[in-house]
N, C-alpha and C. Protein backbone atom coordinates (compact mmCIF):
# COMPACT_ATOMS: atom_id res chain seq x y z
N UNK A 1 8.81 -0.30 -18.47
CA UNK A 1 8.22 -1.46 -17.62
C UNK A 1 8.99 -1.54 -16.22
N UNK A 2 8.42 -1.73 -15.05
CA UNK A 2 9.07 -2.09 -14.00
C UNK A 2 9.75 -3.18 -13.61
N UNK A 3 11.50 -3.30 -13.49
CA UNK A 3 11.98 -4.11 -13.22
C UNK A 3 11.66 -4.61 -11.62
N UNK A 4 10.79 -5.71 -11.50
CA UNK A 4 10.15 -5.85 -9.84
C UNK A 4 11.46 -6.95 -9.59
N UNK A 5 12.30 -7.60 -9.96
CA UNK A 5 13.63 -8.31 -9.94
C UNK A 5 14.65 -7.66 -9.22
N UNK A 6 14.97 -6.41 -9.88
CA UNK A 6 15.80 -5.57 -9.55
C UNK A 6 15.42 -4.72 -8.25
N UNK A 7 13.97 -4.40 -8.43
CA UNK A 7 13.56 -3.77 -7.27
C UNK A 7 13.78 -4.36 -5.92
N UNK A 8 13.36 -5.79 -5.91
CA UNK A 8 13.52 -6.80 -4.69
C UNK A 8 14.83 -6.69 -4.39
N UNK A 9 15.73 -7.34 -5.20
CA UNK A 9 17.19 -7.72 -4.85
C UNK A 9 18.29 -6.64 -4.68
N UNK A 10 17.99 -5.77 -5.34
CA UNK A 10 19.17 -4.63 -5.76
C UNK A 10 19.76 -4.20 -4.35
N UNK A 11 21.25 -3.65 -4.42
CA UNK A 11 21.41 -3.27 -3.03
C UNK A 11 21.24 -1.68 -2.77
N UNK A 12 20.50 -0.94 -3.98
CA UNK A 12 20.49 0.45 -4.03
C UNK A 12 18.96 0.45 -3.18
N UNK A 13 18.76 2.12 -2.82
CA UNK A 13 17.32 2.25 -2.46
C UNK A 13 16.52 2.27 -3.28
N UNK A 14 15.15 1.92 -2.59
CA UNK A 14 13.92 1.98 -3.58
C UNK A 14 13.99 3.14 -4.72
N UNK A 15 14.12 4.17 -4.05
CA UNK A 15 14.18 5.47 -4.93
C UNK A 15 15.09 5.52 -6.02
N UNK A 16 16.41 5.21 -5.63
CA UNK A 16 17.52 5.18 -6.49
C UNK A 16 17.34 3.96 -7.59
N UNK A 17 16.82 2.86 -7.25
CA UNK A 17 16.58 1.86 -8.15
C UNK A 17 15.46 2.32 -9.04
N UNK A 18 14.30 2.93 -8.52
CA UNK A 18 13.54 3.71 -9.53
C UNK A 18 13.69 4.36 -10.59
N UNK A 19 14.74 5.42 -9.90
CA UNK A 19 15.45 6.54 -10.86
C UNK A 19 16.56 5.94 -11.64
N UNK A 20 17.29 4.79 -11.51
CA UNK A 20 18.01 4.26 -12.31
C UNK A 20 17.15 3.39 -13.83
N UNK A 21 15.93 2.60 -13.06
CA UNK A 21 15.12 2.17 -14.17
C UNK A 21 14.64 3.35 -15.49
N UNK A 22 14.48 4.53 -14.46
CA UNK A 22 13.55 5.63 -15.22
C UNK A 22 14.59 6.20 -16.14
N UNK A 23 16.05 6.33 -15.86
CA UNK A 23 16.93 7.01 -16.61
C UNK A 23 17.51 6.02 -17.97
N UNK A 24 17.00 4.80 -17.57
CA UNK A 24 17.20 3.95 -18.80
C UNK A 24 16.41 4.19 -20.09
N UNK A 25 15.61 4.85 -19.85
CA UNK A 25 14.55 5.32 -20.68
C UNK A 25 14.80 6.53 -21.48
N UNK A 26 15.92 7.28 -21.14
CA UNK A 26 16.41 8.56 -21.74
C UNK A 26 17.33 8.34 -22.72
N UNK A 27 17.00 9.01 -23.68
CA UNK A 27 17.77 8.64 -25.19
C UNK A 27 18.79 9.96 -25.19
N UNK A 28 19.94 9.55 -24.73
CA UNK A 28 21.14 10.78 -25.07
C UNK A 28 22.20 10.75 -25.99
N UNK A 29 22.20 11.74 -26.62
CA UNK A 29 23.66 11.63 -27.06
C UNK A 29 23.96 13.50 -26.95
N UNK A 30 25.41 13.47 -27.84
CA UNK A 30 25.59 14.87 -27.61
C UNK A 30 26.71 14.97 -26.89
N UNK A 31 26.73 16.23 -26.04
CA UNK A 31 27.46 16.51 -24.83
C UNK A 31 26.74 16.64 -23.42
N UNK A 32 27.01 15.99 -22.87
CA UNK A 32 26.10 15.70 -21.42
C UNK A 32 27.05 16.27 -19.88
N UNK A 33 26.17 16.83 -19.34
CA UNK A 33 27.22 17.52 -17.98
C UNK A 33 25.61 16.84 -16.74
N UNK A 34 26.28 16.41 -15.81
CA UNK A 34 25.70 15.83 -14.70
C UNK A 34 25.90 16.50 -13.39
N UNK A 35 25.22 17.25 -13.12
CA UNK A 35 25.28 17.48 -11.67
C UNK A 35 25.39 16.93 -10.32
N UNK A 36 26.06 17.53 -9.28
CA UNK A 36 25.92 16.52 -7.93
C UNK A 36 26.74 14.99 -8.52
N UNK A 37 27.47 14.74 -9.45
CA UNK A 37 28.08 13.46 -9.71
C UNK A 37 29.12 13.18 -8.37
N UNK A 38 28.94 12.02 -8.26
CA UNK A 38 29.67 11.03 -7.16
C UNK A 38 31.04 10.83 -7.98
N UNK A 39 31.94 10.63 -6.60
CA UNK A 39 33.35 10.66 -7.05
C UNK A 39 33.58 9.22 -7.37
N UNK A 40 32.45 8.27 -7.06
CA UNK A 40 32.63 6.86 -7.26
C UNK A 40 31.74 6.96 -8.53
N UNK A 41 32.30 6.75 -9.78
CA UNK A 41 32.09 7.08 -10.85
C UNK A 41 30.97 6.12 -11.60
N UNK A 42 31.18 4.89 -10.87
CA UNK A 42 30.02 4.05 -11.07
C UNK A 42 28.60 4.06 -10.51
N UNK A 43 28.64 5.15 -9.77
CA UNK A 43 27.38 5.47 -8.92
C UNK A 43 26.47 6.56 -9.90
N UNK A 44 27.25 7.04 -10.71
CA UNK A 44 26.69 8.33 -11.57
C UNK A 44 25.69 7.68 -12.81
N UNK A 45 24.53 8.44 -12.82
CA UNK A 45 23.66 8.00 -13.94
C UNK A 45 24.57 8.44 -15.45
N UNK A 46 25.15 9.10 -15.64
CA UNK A 46 25.81 9.38 -17.01
C UNK A 46 27.14 8.16 -16.92
N UNK A 47 27.34 7.41 -17.80
CA UNK A 47 28.37 6.60 -17.85
C UNK A 47 29.88 7.64 -18.24
N UNK A 48 31.02 7.04 -17.79
CA UNK A 48 32.15 7.87 -17.80
C UNK A 48 32.61 8.03 -19.45
N UNK A 49 32.20 6.55 -19.90
CA UNK A 49 32.87 6.35 -21.22
C UNK A 49 31.67 5.82 -22.02
N UNK A 50 30.95 6.51 -23.08
CA UNK A 50 29.95 6.01 -23.90
C UNK A 50 30.08 6.23 -25.29
N UNK A 51 29.72 5.58 -26.11
CA UNK A 51 29.69 5.86 -27.55
C UNK A 51 28.44 6.34 -28.20
N UNK A 52 27.69 7.04 -27.51
CA UNK A 52 26.74 7.63 -27.82
C UNK A 52 26.48 9.12 -27.39
N UNK A 53 27.13 9.24 -26.16
CA UNK A 53 27.31 10.86 -25.82
C UNK A 53 28.86 11.24 -25.01
N UNK A 54 29.24 12.36 -25.06
CA UNK A 54 30.43 12.63 -24.30
C UNK A 54 29.85 13.06 -22.89
N UNK A 55 30.60 12.77 -22.08
CA UNK A 55 30.30 12.90 -20.54
C UNK A 55 31.14 14.07 -19.69
N UNK A 56 30.46 15.10 -19.06
CA UNK A 56 31.03 15.80 -18.11
C UNK A 56 30.32 15.60 -16.71
N UNK A 57 30.97 15.83 -15.72
CA UNK A 57 30.79 15.73 -14.46
C UNK A 57 31.03 17.05 -13.49
N UNK A 58 30.08 17.33 -12.82
CA UNK A 58 30.12 18.31 -11.85
C UNK A 58 29.75 18.25 -10.47
N UNK A 59 30.55 19.03 -9.45
CA UNK A 59 30.31 18.64 -8.07
C UNK A 59 30.75 19.84 -7.32
N UNK A 60 30.31 20.20 -6.13
CA UNK A 60 30.72 21.81 -5.48
C UNK A 60 31.64 21.57 -4.57
N UNK A 61 32.01 20.31 -4.47
CA UNK A 61 33.45 19.69 -3.43
C UNK A 61 34.49 19.64 -4.56
N UNK A 62 35.76 19.80 -4.32
CA UNK A 62 36.89 19.64 -5.33
C UNK A 62 37.86 18.49 -5.29
N UNK A 63 37.21 17.10 -5.11
CA UNK A 63 38.16 15.96 -4.52
C UNK A 63 38.43 15.71 -5.80
N UNK A 64 38.09 15.50 -6.94
CA UNK A 64 38.01 15.48 -8.01
C UNK A 64 38.43 16.37 -8.95
N UNK A 65 39.80 16.21 -9.54
CA UNK A 65 40.18 17.62 -10.19
C UNK A 65 39.65 17.57 -11.76
N UNK A 66 39.06 16.44 -12.05
CA UNK A 66 38.52 16.35 -13.30
C UNK A 66 37.12 16.90 -13.61
N UNK A 67 36.45 16.76 -12.27
CA UNK A 67 35.22 17.37 -12.38
C UNK A 67 35.28 18.80 -12.63
N UNK A 68 34.21 19.43 -12.84
CA UNK A 68 33.68 20.74 -12.99
C UNK A 68 33.34 21.55 -11.66
N UNK A 69 33.84 22.44 -11.54
CA UNK A 69 33.35 23.00 -10.10
C UNK A 69 32.42 24.53 -10.61
N UNK A 70 31.08 23.83 -10.30
CA UNK A 70 30.31 24.92 -10.76
C UNK A 70 29.01 24.84 -9.53
N UNK A 71 28.92 25.99 -8.92
CA UNK A 71 27.81 26.45 -8.33
C UNK A 71 26.57 26.82 -8.45
N UNK A 72 25.92 26.00 -8.54
CA UNK A 72 24.21 26.39 -9.23
C UNK A 72 23.40 27.71 -8.70
N UNK A 73 23.93 27.76 -7.19
CA UNK A 73 23.15 28.89 -6.28
C UNK A 73 23.95 30.24 -6.86
N UNK A 74 24.88 30.10 -7.70
CA UNK A 74 25.53 31.39 -8.00
C UNK A 74 25.29 31.53 -9.69
N UNK A 75 24.96 32.98 -10.21
CA UNK A 75 25.32 33.06 -11.31
C UNK A 75 26.35 32.32 -12.17
N UNK A 76 26.15 31.52 -13.06
CA UNK A 76 27.34 30.77 -13.99
C UNK A 76 27.71 31.28 -15.25
N UNK A 77 28.88 31.86 -15.43
CA UNK A 77 29.19 32.33 -16.78
C UNK A 77 30.04 31.21 -17.42
N UNK A 78 29.60 30.09 -18.16
CA UNK A 78 30.25 29.05 -18.32
C UNK A 78 30.25 28.86 -20.01
N UNK A 79 31.12 29.21 -20.72
CA UNK A 79 31.50 29.16 -22.23
C UNK A 79 30.68 27.65 -22.89
N UNK A 80 31.17 26.50 -22.14
CA UNK A 80 30.46 25.30 -22.63
C UNK A 80 29.15 25.05 -22.89
N UNK A 81 28.56 24.72 -23.97
CA UNK A 81 26.92 24.64 -24.06
C UNK A 81 26.38 23.13 -24.06
N UNK A 82 25.61 22.62 -23.59
CA UNK A 82 25.49 21.09 -23.47
C UNK A 82 23.91 20.52 -24.14
N UNK A 83 24.05 19.61 -24.68
CA UNK A 83 23.11 18.99 -25.39
C UNK A 83 22.12 18.39 -24.08
N UNK A 84 22.48 17.73 -22.86
CA UNK A 84 21.78 17.43 -22.09
C UNK A 84 22.36 17.94 -20.76
N UNK A 85 21.53 18.15 -19.82
CA UNK A 85 22.00 18.22 -18.29
C UNK A 85 21.00 17.35 -17.49
N UNK A 86 21.96 16.45 -16.84
CA UNK A 86 21.34 15.78 -15.80
C UNK A 86 21.41 16.44 -14.13
N UNK A 87 20.41 16.33 -13.63
CA UNK A 87 20.13 16.75 -12.00
C UNK A 87 19.26 15.92 -11.35
N UNK A 88 20.10 14.72 -11.18
CA UNK A 88 19.30 13.87 -10.16
C UNK A 88 19.89 14.00 -8.72
N UNK A 89 18.69 14.26 -7.88
CA UNK A 89 19.01 14.36 -6.33
C UNK A 89 20.04 15.11 -5.94
N UNK A 90 19.63 16.32 -6.61
CA UNK A 90 20.30 17.73 -6.35
C UNK A 90 19.57 18.85 -5.69
N UNK A 91 18.28 19.06 -6.52
CA UNK A 91 17.38 20.42 -6.21
C UNK A 91 17.05 20.48 -4.50
N UNK A 92 16.68 19.09 -4.04
CA UNK A 92 16.46 19.29 -2.54
C UNK A 92 17.50 19.68 -1.83
N UNK A 93 18.79 19.55 -2.21
CA UNK A 93 19.70 20.23 -1.38
C UNK A 93 20.06 21.68 -1.88
N UNK A 94 19.38 22.40 -2.48
CA UNK A 94 19.62 23.66 -2.72
C UNK A 94 18.42 24.60 -2.19
N UNK A 95 18.52 25.82 -1.48
CA UNK A 95 17.84 26.56 -0.75
C UNK A 95 16.63 27.21 -1.62
N UNK A 96 16.91 27.28 -2.67
CA UNK A 96 15.73 28.14 -3.97
C UNK A 96 16.43 27.68 -4.91
N UNK A 97 15.48 27.25 -6.11
CA UNK A 97 15.74 26.33 -7.22
C UNK A 97 15.88 27.51 -8.45
N UNK A 98 15.50 28.99 -8.01
CA UNK A 98 15.37 29.90 -9.20
C UNK A 98 16.54 29.89 -9.84
N UNK A 99 17.88 30.22 -9.29
CA UNK A 99 18.73 30.53 -9.93
C UNK A 99 19.52 29.35 -10.52
N UNK A 100 19.34 28.02 -9.71
CA UNK A 100 19.89 26.87 -10.36
C UNK A 100 19.14 26.55 -11.78
N UNK A 101 18.01 26.84 -11.95
CA UNK A 101 17.30 26.77 -13.24
C UNK A 101 17.52 27.54 -14.02
N UNK A 102 18.00 28.88 -13.69
CA UNK A 102 18.48 29.98 -14.84
C UNK A 102 19.68 29.58 -15.37
N UNK A 103 20.89 28.87 -14.65
CA UNK A 103 21.97 28.71 -14.68
C UNK A 103 21.65 27.30 -15.86
N UNK A 104 20.78 26.33 -15.54
CA UNK A 104 20.83 25.11 -16.41
C UNK A 104 20.15 25.71 -17.70
N UNK A 105 19.34 26.41 -17.69
CA UNK A 105 18.54 27.18 -19.08
C UNK A 105 20.02 27.78 -19.94
N UNK A 106 20.73 28.78 -19.39
CA UNK A 106 21.83 29.35 -19.95
C UNK A 106 22.53 28.23 -20.44
N UNK A 107 23.03 27.37 -19.88
CA UNK A 107 23.83 26.26 -20.17
C UNK A 107 23.76 25.30 -21.26
N UNK A 108 22.48 25.05 -21.58
CA UNK A 108 21.70 24.19 -22.81
C UNK A 108 21.83 24.85 -23.91
N UNK A 109 22.37 24.08 -25.03
CA UNK A 109 22.05 24.37 -26.17
C UNK A 109 20.46 24.75 -26.63
N UNK A 110 20.13 25.32 -27.28
CA UNK A 110 18.66 25.44 -28.20
C UNK A 110 18.35 24.02 -28.19
N UNK A 111 17.14 23.74 -27.91
CA UNK A 111 16.68 22.45 -28.09
C UNK A 111 17.29 21.43 -26.92
N UNK A 112 18.12 21.88 -26.30
CA UNK A 112 18.82 20.95 -25.32
C UNK A 112 17.89 20.48 -24.48
N UNK A 113 18.01 19.54 -23.52
CA UNK A 113 17.12 18.71 -22.46
C UNK A 113 17.87 18.81 -21.15
N UNK A 114 16.59 19.01 -20.02
CA UNK A 114 17.00 18.82 -18.86
C UNK A 114 16.55 17.45 -18.34
N UNK A 115 17.25 16.92 -17.90
CA UNK A 115 16.60 15.37 -17.02
C UNK A 115 17.05 15.57 -15.61
N UNK A 116 16.14 15.29 -14.99
CA UNK A 116 16.17 15.31 -13.47
C UNK A 116 15.37 14.59 -12.67
N UNK A 117 15.39 14.67 -11.10
CA UNK A 117 14.56 13.69 -10.29
C UNK A 117 15.08 14.19 -8.89
N UNK A 118 13.93 14.42 -8.32
CA UNK A 118 14.20 14.56 -6.78
C UNK A 118 12.93 13.76 -6.02
N UNK A 119 13.39 13.46 -4.86
CA UNK A 119 12.64 12.66 -3.77
C UNK A 119 11.60 13.53 -3.32
N UNK A 120 10.32 12.91 -2.85
CA UNK A 120 9.47 13.29 -1.97
C UNK A 120 9.00 12.51 -0.91
N UNK A 121 8.27 11.44 -0.85
CA UNK A 121 8.43 10.75 0.41
C UNK A 121 9.44 10.01 0.56
N UNK A 122 10.41 10.93 1.31
CA UNK A 122 11.83 10.20 1.28
C UNK A 122 12.68 10.81 2.53
N UNK A 123 13.52 9.95 3.18
CA UNK A 123 13.85 10.54 4.53
C UNK A 123 14.91 11.81 4.53
N UNK A 124 15.07 12.43 5.42
CA UNK A 124 16.27 13.58 5.13
C UNK A 124 17.47 13.09 4.64
N UNK A 125 17.94 13.74 4.04
CA UNK A 125 19.65 13.11 3.68
C UNK A 125 20.28 14.33 3.03
N UNK A 126 21.40 14.71 4.15
CA UNK A 126 22.50 15.62 4.12
C UNK A 126 23.27 15.44 3.22
N UNK A 127 23.74 16.78 2.49
CA UNK A 127 24.71 16.57 1.22
C UNK A 127 25.06 18.22 1.04
N UNK A 128 25.87 19.02 1.91
CA UNK A 128 25.41 18.41 3.22
C UNK A 128 24.13 19.01 4.08
N UNK A 129 23.35 19.72 3.20
CA UNK A 129 21.94 19.98 3.85
C UNK A 129 20.81 19.43 3.06
N UNK A 130 19.84 18.98 3.68
CA UNK A 130 18.74 18.78 2.77
C UNK A 130 17.62 19.95 3.13
N UNK A 131 17.11 20.43 1.86
CA UNK A 131 16.10 21.91 2.52
C UNK A 131 14.60 21.60 2.08
N UNK A 132 14.56 20.77 0.70
CA UNK A 132 13.18 20.87 0.28
C UNK A 132 12.62 19.50 -0.38
N UNK A 133 11.50 19.54 -0.32
CA UNK A 133 10.61 18.42 -1.02
C UNK A 133 9.82 19.11 -2.32
N UNK A 134 9.69 18.67 -3.41
CA UNK A 134 8.90 19.77 -4.73
C UNK A 134 7.97 18.51 -4.96
N UNK A 135 6.77 19.17 -5.24
CA UNK A 135 5.82 18.50 -5.96
C UNK A 135 5.59 18.41 -7.30
N UNK A 136 5.28 17.72 -7.81
CA UNK A 136 4.75 17.59 -9.37
C UNK A 136 4.21 19.05 -10.08
N UNK A 137 3.22 19.75 -9.45
CA UNK A 137 2.80 20.91 -9.55
C UNK A 137 3.73 22.22 -9.59
N UNK A 138 4.42 22.11 -8.65
CA UNK A 138 5.51 22.89 -8.37
C UNK A 138 6.97 22.97 -9.48
N UNK A 139 7.28 21.63 -9.52
CA UNK A 139 8.21 21.34 -10.59
C UNK A 139 7.61 21.96 -12.09
N UNK A 140 6.46 21.46 -12.39
CA UNK A 140 6.09 21.92 -13.80
C UNK A 140 6.01 23.42 -13.88
N UNK A 141 5.61 24.29 -12.85
CA UNK A 141 5.26 25.38 -12.90
C UNK A 141 6.74 26.23 -12.99
N UNK A 142 7.85 25.79 -11.82
CA UNK A 142 9.36 26.23 -12.28
C UNK A 142 9.91 26.20 -13.58
N UNK A 143 9.38 24.99 -14.09
CA UNK A 143 10.16 24.96 -15.47
C UNK A 143 9.37 25.64 -16.53
N UNK A 144 8.09 25.78 -16.37
CA UNK A 144 7.43 26.50 -17.28
C UNK A 144 7.90 28.17 -17.14
N UNK A 145 8.15 28.60 -15.86
CA UNK A 145 8.66 29.96 -15.65
C UNK A 145 9.94 30.11 -16.53
N UNK A 146 10.56 29.11 -16.83
CA UNK A 146 11.82 29.32 -17.56
C UNK A 146 12.08 28.86 -18.62
N UNK A 147 10.68 28.84 -19.07
CA UNK A 147 10.28 28.94 -20.55
C UNK A 147 11.04 27.69 -21.16
N UNK A 148 11.00 26.41 -20.44
CA UNK A 148 11.16 25.26 -20.89
C UNK A 148 9.74 24.30 -21.76
N UNK A 149 9.83 23.59 -22.64
CA UNK A 149 8.93 23.04 -23.25
C UNK A 149 8.81 21.84 -23.17
N UNK A 150 7.60 21.04 -23.93
CA UNK A 150 7.76 19.43 -24.04
C UNK A 150 8.03 18.82 -22.37
N UNK A 151 7.46 19.49 -21.48
CA UNK A 151 7.74 19.20 -19.86
C UNK A 151 7.08 18.02 -19.97
N UNK A 152 7.85 16.76 -19.09
CA UNK A 152 7.29 15.63 -18.59
C UNK A 152 7.79 15.46 -17.47
N UNK A 153 6.45 14.85 -16.38
CA UNK A 153 7.10 14.68 -15.02
C UNK A 153 6.15 13.22 -14.94
N UNK A 154 7.24 12.43 -14.12
CA UNK A 154 6.37 11.02 -14.07
C UNK A 154 6.65 10.90 -12.51
N UNK A 155 5.74 10.38 -11.75
CA UNK A 155 5.97 9.83 -10.51
C UNK A 155 6.44 8.56 -10.09
N UNK A 156 7.55 8.45 -9.21
CA UNK A 156 8.11 7.23 -8.96
C UNK A 156 7.63 6.19 -7.70
N UNK A 157 7.27 5.24 -8.17
CA UNK A 157 6.69 4.55 -6.74
C UNK A 157 5.45 3.79 -7.06
N UNK A 158 4.98 3.12 -6.46
CA UNK A 158 3.59 2.05 -6.59
C UNK A 158 2.57 2.85 -5.76
N UNK A 159 2.65 3.21 -4.53
CA UNK A 159 1.86 3.49 -3.76
C UNK A 159 2.07 3.32 -2.31
N UNK A 160 1.21 3.57 -1.24
CA UNK A 160 1.63 3.96 0.18
C UNK A 160 2.51 2.73 0.75
N UNK A 161 2.17 1.57 0.21
CA UNK A 161 2.96 0.79 0.91
C UNK A 161 4.34 0.60 0.51
N UNK A 162 4.81 0.84 -0.63
CA UNK A 162 6.10 0.59 -1.11
C UNK A 162 6.71 2.19 -0.60
N UNK A 163 6.16 3.11 -0.28
CA UNK A 163 6.79 4.38 0.13
C UNK A 163 6.98 4.01 1.44
N UNK A 164 6.09 3.33 2.22
CA UNK A 164 6.43 3.40 3.45
C UNK A 164 7.58 2.46 4.20
N UNK A 165 7.63 1.45 3.06
CA UNK A 165 8.96 0.27 2.88
C UNK A 165 9.91 1.19 2.72
N UNK A 166 9.99 2.23 2.07
CA UNK A 166 11.29 2.82 1.56
C UNK A 166 11.88 3.56 2.46
N UNK A 167 10.70 4.24 3.40
CA UNK A 167 11.43 4.97 4.69
C UNK A 167 12.00 4.07 5.75
N UNK A 168 11.61 2.83 5.56
CA UNK A 168 12.26 1.98 6.57
C UNK A 168 13.20 1.19 6.23
N UNK A 169 13.80 1.35 4.84
CA UNK A 169 14.89 0.64 4.09
C UNK A 169 16.26 0.60 4.94
N UNK A 170 16.36 1.74 5.43
CA UNK A 170 17.96 2.00 5.69
C UNK A 170 17.98 0.91 7.02
N UNK A 171 16.78 0.32 7.88
CA UNK A 171 16.77 -0.43 9.06
C UNK A 171 16.68 -1.93 8.34
N UNK A 172 15.59 -2.02 7.42
CA UNK A 172 15.29 -3.51 6.98
C UNK A 172 16.62 -4.06 6.27
N UNK A 173 17.23 -3.31 5.60
CA UNK A 173 18.54 -3.75 4.81
C UNK A 173 19.15 -5.00 5.53
N UNK A 174 19.29 -4.65 6.79
CA UNK A 174 20.08 -5.43 7.60
C UNK A 174 19.82 -6.75 7.82
N UNK A 175 18.48 -6.84 7.45
CA UNK A 175 17.72 -8.54 7.55
C UNK A 175 17.38 -8.92 6.24
N UNK A 176 18.27 -9.53 5.35
CA UNK A 176 17.97 -9.63 4.25
C UNK A 176 16.83 -10.47 3.81
N UNK A 177 16.55 -11.58 4.31
CA UNK A 177 15.42 -12.52 4.02
C UNK A 177 14.10 -11.72 4.43
N UNK A 178 14.11 -10.97 5.52
CA UNK A 178 12.97 -10.43 6.14
C UNK A 178 12.71 -9.19 5.10
N UNK A 179 14.08 -8.60 4.65
CA UNK A 179 13.58 -7.52 3.61
C UNK A 179 13.02 -7.79 2.23
N UNK A 180 13.73 -9.06 1.70
CA UNK A 180 13.17 -9.69 0.33
C UNK A 180 11.43 -9.82 0.32
N UNK A 181 11.05 -10.28 1.57
CA UNK A 181 9.67 -10.96 1.97
C UNK A 181 8.77 -9.58 1.82
N UNK A 182 9.23 -8.74 2.54
CA UNK A 182 8.44 -7.44 2.85
C UNK A 182 8.32 -6.71 1.82
N UNK A 183 9.19 -6.53 0.95
CA UNK A 183 9.29 -5.45 -0.04
C UNK A 183 8.18 -6.23 -1.29
N UNK A 184 8.40 -7.53 -1.37
CA UNK A 184 7.49 -8.38 -2.40
C UNK A 184 6.08 -8.29 -1.61
N UNK A 185 5.92 -8.20 -0.53
CA UNK A 185 4.61 -8.24 0.07
C UNK A 185 3.98 -6.62 -0.17
N UNK A 186 5.11 -5.75 0.07
CA UNK A 186 4.62 -4.23 -0.26
C UNK A 186 4.06 -4.04 -1.48
N UNK A 187 5.01 -4.59 -2.63
CA UNK A 187 4.45 -4.48 -3.99
C UNK A 187 3.13 -4.91 -4.30
N UNK A 188 2.94 -6.18 -3.91
CA UNK A 188 1.50 -6.84 -3.84
C UNK A 188 0.54 -6.02 -3.23
N UNK A 189 0.72 -5.41 -2.22
CA UNK A 189 -0.49 -4.69 -1.64
C UNK A 189 -0.75 -3.64 -2.46
N UNK A 190 0.32 -2.85 -2.95
CA UNK A 190 -0.09 -1.69 -3.51
C UNK A 190 -0.58 -2.12 -4.91
N UNK A 191 -0.36 -3.17 -5.69
CA UNK A 191 -0.95 -3.57 -6.78
C UNK A 191 -2.41 -4.05 -6.34
N UNK A 192 -2.74 -4.67 -5.24
CA UNK A 192 -3.94 -4.95 -5.08
C UNK A 192 -4.76 -3.49 -4.53
N UNK A 193 -4.09 -2.73 -4.05
CA UNK A 193 -4.94 -1.34 -3.64
C UNK A 193 -5.08 -0.36 -5.14
N UNK A 194 -4.50 -0.58 -5.77
CA UNK A 194 -4.67 0.06 -7.14
C UNK A 194 -6.08 -0.28 -7.51
N UNK A 195 -6.54 -1.31 -7.45
CA UNK A 195 -8.00 -1.72 -8.21
C UNK A 195 -8.85 -1.12 -7.12
N UNK A 196 -9.07 -0.68 -6.03
CA UNK A 196 -9.98 -0.24 -5.06
C UNK A 196 -9.77 1.33 -4.79
N UNK A 197 -8.86 2.01 -5.40
CA UNK A 197 -8.71 3.17 -4.86
C UNK A 197 -9.24 4.09 -6.34
N UNK A 198 -10.13 5.31 -6.23
CA UNK A 198 -10.41 6.15 -7.38
C UNK A 198 -9.14 6.90 -8.14
N UNK A 199 -8.36 7.18 -7.37
CA UNK A 199 -7.37 7.67 -7.91
C UNK A 199 -5.82 6.75 -7.90
N UNK A 200 -5.14 6.91 -8.92
CA UNK A 200 -4.02 6.16 -9.07
C UNK A 200 -3.14 6.18 -7.81
N UNK A 201 -2.82 5.27 -6.69
CA UNK A 201 -2.12 5.63 -5.73
C UNK A 201 -0.60 5.84 -5.81
N UNK A 202 0.19 5.94 -7.23
CA UNK A 202 1.29 6.47 -7.06
C UNK A 202 1.13 8.03 -7.23
N UNK A 203 0.19 8.42 -7.79
CA UNK A 203 0.09 9.87 -7.82
C UNK A 203 -0.17 10.65 -6.41
N UNK A 204 -0.48 9.93 -5.63
CA UNK A 204 -0.64 10.62 -4.14
C UNK A 204 0.33 10.29 -3.17
N UNK A 205 1.08 9.19 -3.79
CA UNK A 205 2.13 8.80 -2.60
C UNK A 205 3.55 8.37 -3.37
N UNK A 206 4.05 9.53 -3.96
CA UNK A 206 5.14 9.33 -4.81
C UNK A 206 6.39 9.38 -3.93
N UNK A 207 7.21 8.12 -4.18
CA UNK A 207 8.64 8.28 -3.40
C UNK A 207 9.43 9.23 -3.97
N UNK A 208 9.03 9.61 -5.24
CA UNK A 208 9.91 10.82 -5.80
C UNK A 208 9.30 11.22 -7.35
N UNK A 209 10.14 11.75 -8.06
CA UNK A 209 9.83 12.48 -9.23
C UNK A 209 10.90 12.66 -10.34
N UNK A 210 10.52 12.04 -11.59
CA UNK A 210 11.28 12.57 -12.56
C UNK A 210 11.06 13.10 -13.64
N UNK A 211 11.75 13.87 -14.04
CA UNK A 211 11.24 15.00 -15.08
C UNK A 211 12.01 15.37 -16.34
N UNK A 212 11.60 15.93 -17.15
CA UNK A 212 12.36 16.31 -18.08
C UNK A 212 11.91 17.61 -18.93
N UNK A 213 12.52 18.53 -19.82
CA UNK A 213 12.19 19.58 -20.46
C UNK A 213 13.02 19.94 -21.54
N UNK A 214 12.53 20.64 -22.46
CA UNK A 214 13.52 21.22 -23.78
C UNK A 214 13.57 22.46 -23.36
N UNK A 215 14.86 22.80 -23.77
CA UNK A 215 15.03 24.49 -23.85
C UNK A 215 14.28 25.11 -25.30
N UNK A 216 13.99 26.45 -24.97
CA UNK A 216 12.90 26.72 -26.27
C UNK A 216 14.17 27.52 -27.13
C-alpha cells in the first residue's frame, strides 16, 4: 500500500522513496549481499544489523575495508553463497548486464533470490557513469535467459504527472512549501487520470522498476 505521507514529506527522491516502500515488502532471511552499497550505512536497503538476516555489503570503490570488492562486470569466483542478493540502482551503471547476472546467479544458493530495482523515467546520474535504462520486458527476458524462475516485476510510480515531477525534484526541493503542494497535486492528477485511460498510467509512465527472481 502506498505511503503517501512519506512520498510527500520525505527528503528522499520520489524514486528512492518508492523503492524503500517496495523493499519493505520483501521477506529476507539467511545471508544477504547488497551490491552498490553506500558507505553511509543508513542509506543502504539492507540493515547493517538485523535479527532476521546477516548482511554483507559490496562496492567497487575501496573506501570501506569492511565492504567486499566485487566487480560485477568481470567473472567473479567467490566462495560464499548467498540466500539473497540485493541490487538496487546498479544495473543502469553497467555497460552490459550479461556478465553481472551470470555472477549473481553463480553467487546465489539454490532457490536463492535476486531483488533489484532500476530507474526508467529518471534523470542521468553518474556513479561514475550512467549507461542504460531497462524496460520491464527486457528485465524479464534477461532474467529468464539466466534461468531465474518466479520472476516478478513491478512498475514504480503513479503516472505521467508524478514522473514529470520526479524529473524536476532536484530544483523543486529548494522550495519546500511549493514542493509539497505540487507533489500532492501531481498525485491527485494521476489518480484522476487513472479513470480516463484505457491502460494503467503506471505501466506506460514508470519512474522505475522493482523486480525479483529465484535461482533454479
